[in-house]
């Protein structure tokens, strides 16, 4: 287990020192709005010491991530790369909506069904 986990209303974030990435897992049934997204990013930036390191976001538990939250995440330059993972149908829908709207931004972003594939891809962005 990670040495330091930070819980927010919508999930938990930690620094995965083994892989050199941040991780965020949405809580089961989480409904993420703009203020939740802002709180999550503040926690994530603090854990990364302000460095734009890659982040793996497990969206499988999320019930919804509203438009304002997706826009905030999409405009953030806090991360070196963003990998979204999720196997549930709703996770695929959330991931694909996010990619359609924000996938061409400055932060490389991809959706994966496999955690190992996501980590392998993110490792290409570790400086």
Protein backbone atom coordinates (compact mmCIF):
# COMPACT_ATOMS: atom_id res chain seq x y z
CA UNK A 1 0.00 0.00 0.00
CA UNK A 2 1.11 3.56 -0.60
CA UNK A 3 2.74 5.41 2.26
CA UNK A 4 0.41 8.40 1.97
CA UNK A 5 -3.14 8.37 0.65
CA UNK A 6 -5.28 11.48 0.52
CA UNK A 7 -9.04 10.99 0.44
CA UNK A 8 -11.45 13.49 -1.00
CA UNK A 9 -15.23 13.37 -1.33
CA UNK A 10 -14.95 11.59 -4.69
CA UNK A 11 -11.93 9.31 -4.32
CA UNK A 12 -8.40 8.66 -3.12
CA UNK A 13 -5.05 9.84 -4.52
CA UNK A 14 -1.54 8.56 -3.83
CA UNK A 15 1.96 8.67 -5.26
CA UNK A 16 2.88 5.30 -6.75
CA UNK A 17 6.61 5.44 -6.09
CA UNK A 18 7.24 2.06 -7.71
CA UNK A 19 6.07 3.34 -11.10
CA UNK A 20 6.79 7.07 -10.66
CA UNK A 21 3.18 8.12 -11.26
CA UNK A 22 0.21 9.51 -9.37
CA UNK A 23 -2.91 7.41 -8.97
CA UNK A 24 -6.48 8.47 -8.38
CA UNK A 25 -9.35 6.03 -7.86
CA UNK A 26 -12.92 7.30 -7.89
CA UNK A 27 -15.05 6.07 -5.00
CA UNK A 28 -17.89 3.74 -5.97
CA UNK A 29 -20.91 5.86 -6.90
CA UNK A 30 -18.93 9.12 -6.92
CA UNK A 31 -20.59 12.09 -8.57
CA UNK A 32 -17.88 14.59 -9.44
CA UNK A 33 -18.68 18.26 -9.94
CA UNK A 34 -16.44 21.27 -10.54
CA UNK A 35 -15.56 21.85 -6.86
CA UNK A 36 -14.72 18.16 -6.47
CA UNK A 37 -12.45 18.30 -9.52
CA UNK A 38 -10.68 21.38 -8.14
CA UNK A 39 -10.17 19.68 -4.77
CA UNK A 40 -8.81 16.54 -6.45
CA UNK A 41 -6.31 18.51 -8.55
CA UNK A 42 -5.08 20.49 -5.52
CA UNK A 43 -4.40 17.22 -3.66
CA UNK A 44 -2.72 15.68 -6.70
CA UNK A 45 -0.46 18.69 -7.31
CA UNK A 46 0.56 18.68 -3.63
CA UNK A 47 1.42 14.97 -3.71
CA UNK A 48 3.50 15.54 -6.86
CA UNK A 49 5.30 18.51 -5.25
CA UNK A 50 4.03 20.73 -8.04
CA UNK A 51 5.71 18.66 -10.77
CA UNK A 52 3.65 17.64 -13.82
CA UNK A 53 4.03 13.88 -13.45
CA UNK A 54 1.83 11.30 -15.18
CA UNK A 55 -1.42 10.25 -13.50
CA UNK A 56 -3.48 7.08 -13.74
CA UNK A 57 -7.18 7.69 -13.04
CA UNK A 58 -9.44 4.71 -12.37
CA UNK A 59 -12.92 5.87 -13.34
CA UNK A 60 -14.60 2.47 -12.89
CA UNK A 61 -16.38 3.51 -9.68
CA UNK A 62 -17.56 6.91 -10.87
CA UNK A 63 -21.29 7.37 -11.32
CA UNK A 64 -20.82 10.68 -13.14
CA UNK A 65 -18.31 13.43 -13.88
CA UNK A 66 -20.21 16.53 -14.94
CA UNK A 67 -19.33 18.81 -17.85
CA UNK A 68 -17.74 21.52 -15.69
CA UNK A 69 -15.52 18.96 -13.94
CA UNK A 70 -14.48 17.39 -17.25
CA UNK A 71 -13.68 20.84 -18.65
CA UNK A 72 -11.59 21.69 -15.58
CA UNK A 73 -9.65 18.43 -15.80
CA UNK A 74 -9.24 18.88 -19.56
CA UNK A 75 -7.80 22.37 -19.22
CA UNK A 76 -5.43 21.49 -16.37
CA UNK A 77 -1.73 21.44 -17.11
CA UNK A 78 -0.98 19.76 -13.76
CA UNK A 79 -0.06 16.37 -15.25
CA UNK A 80 2.59 15.11 -17.64
CA UNK A 81 0.14 12.59 -19.10
CA UNK A 82 -3.27 11.19 -18.19
CA UNK A 83 -4.33 7.56 -18.49
CA UNK A 84 -7.98 6.74 -17.77
CA UNK A 85 -8.86 3.14 -16.93
CA UNK A 86 -12.19 1.45 -16.39
CA UNK A 87 -13.96 -1.71 -17.35
CA UNK A 88 -17.58 -0.91 -16.57
CA UNK A 89 -19.77 0.43 -19.40
CA UNK A 90 -20.25 3.77 -17.60
CA UNK A 91 -16.46 4.11 -17.27
CA UNK A 92 -16.08 3.63 -21.02
CA UNK A 93 -18.74 6.26 -21.65
CA UNK A 94 -17.11 8.78 -19.27
CA UNK A 95 -13.67 8.05 -20.72
CA UNK A 96 -14.80 8.39 -24.32
CA UNK A 97 -16.69 11.64 -23.63
CA UNK A 98 -13.59 13.05 -21.94
CA UNK A 99 -11.33 12.01 -24.82
CA UNK A 100 -13.70 13.37 -27.46
CA UNK A 101 -13.83 16.76 -25.78
CA UNK A 102 -10.33 17.11 -24.35
CA UNK A 103 -8.09 14.44 -25.85
CA UNK A 104 -6.37 16.84 -28.24
CA UNK A 105 -5.19 19.23 -25.50
CA UNK A 106 -1.60 19.73 -24.38
CA UNK A 107 -1.65 16.80 -21.95
CA UNK A 108 -1.33 13.40 -23.66
CA UNK A 109 -4.48 11.46 -22.72
CA UNK A 110 -5.64 7.90 -23.44
CA UNK A 111 -8.30 5.48 -22.24
CA UNK A 112 -7.32 1.91 -21.32
CA UNK A 113 -9.14 -1.18 -20.10
CA UNK A 114 -5.90 -2.67 -18.74
CA UNK A 115 -4.01 -1.13 -15.81
CA UNK A 116 -0.72 -2.67 -16.95
CA UNK A 117 -1.11 -1.17 -20.44
CA UNK A 118 -1.89 2.23 -18.92
CA UNK A 119 1.17 2.12 -16.65
CA UNK A 120 3.41 1.05 -19.53
CA UNK A 121 2.16 4.00 -21.62
CA UNK A 122 2.53 6.48 -18.72
CA UNK A 123 6.13 5.41 -18.09
CA UNK A 124 6.97 6.91 -21.48
CA UNK A 125 6.24 10.35 -20.00
CA UNK A 126 8.40 10.11 -16.87
CA UNK A 127 11.30 12.53 -17.00
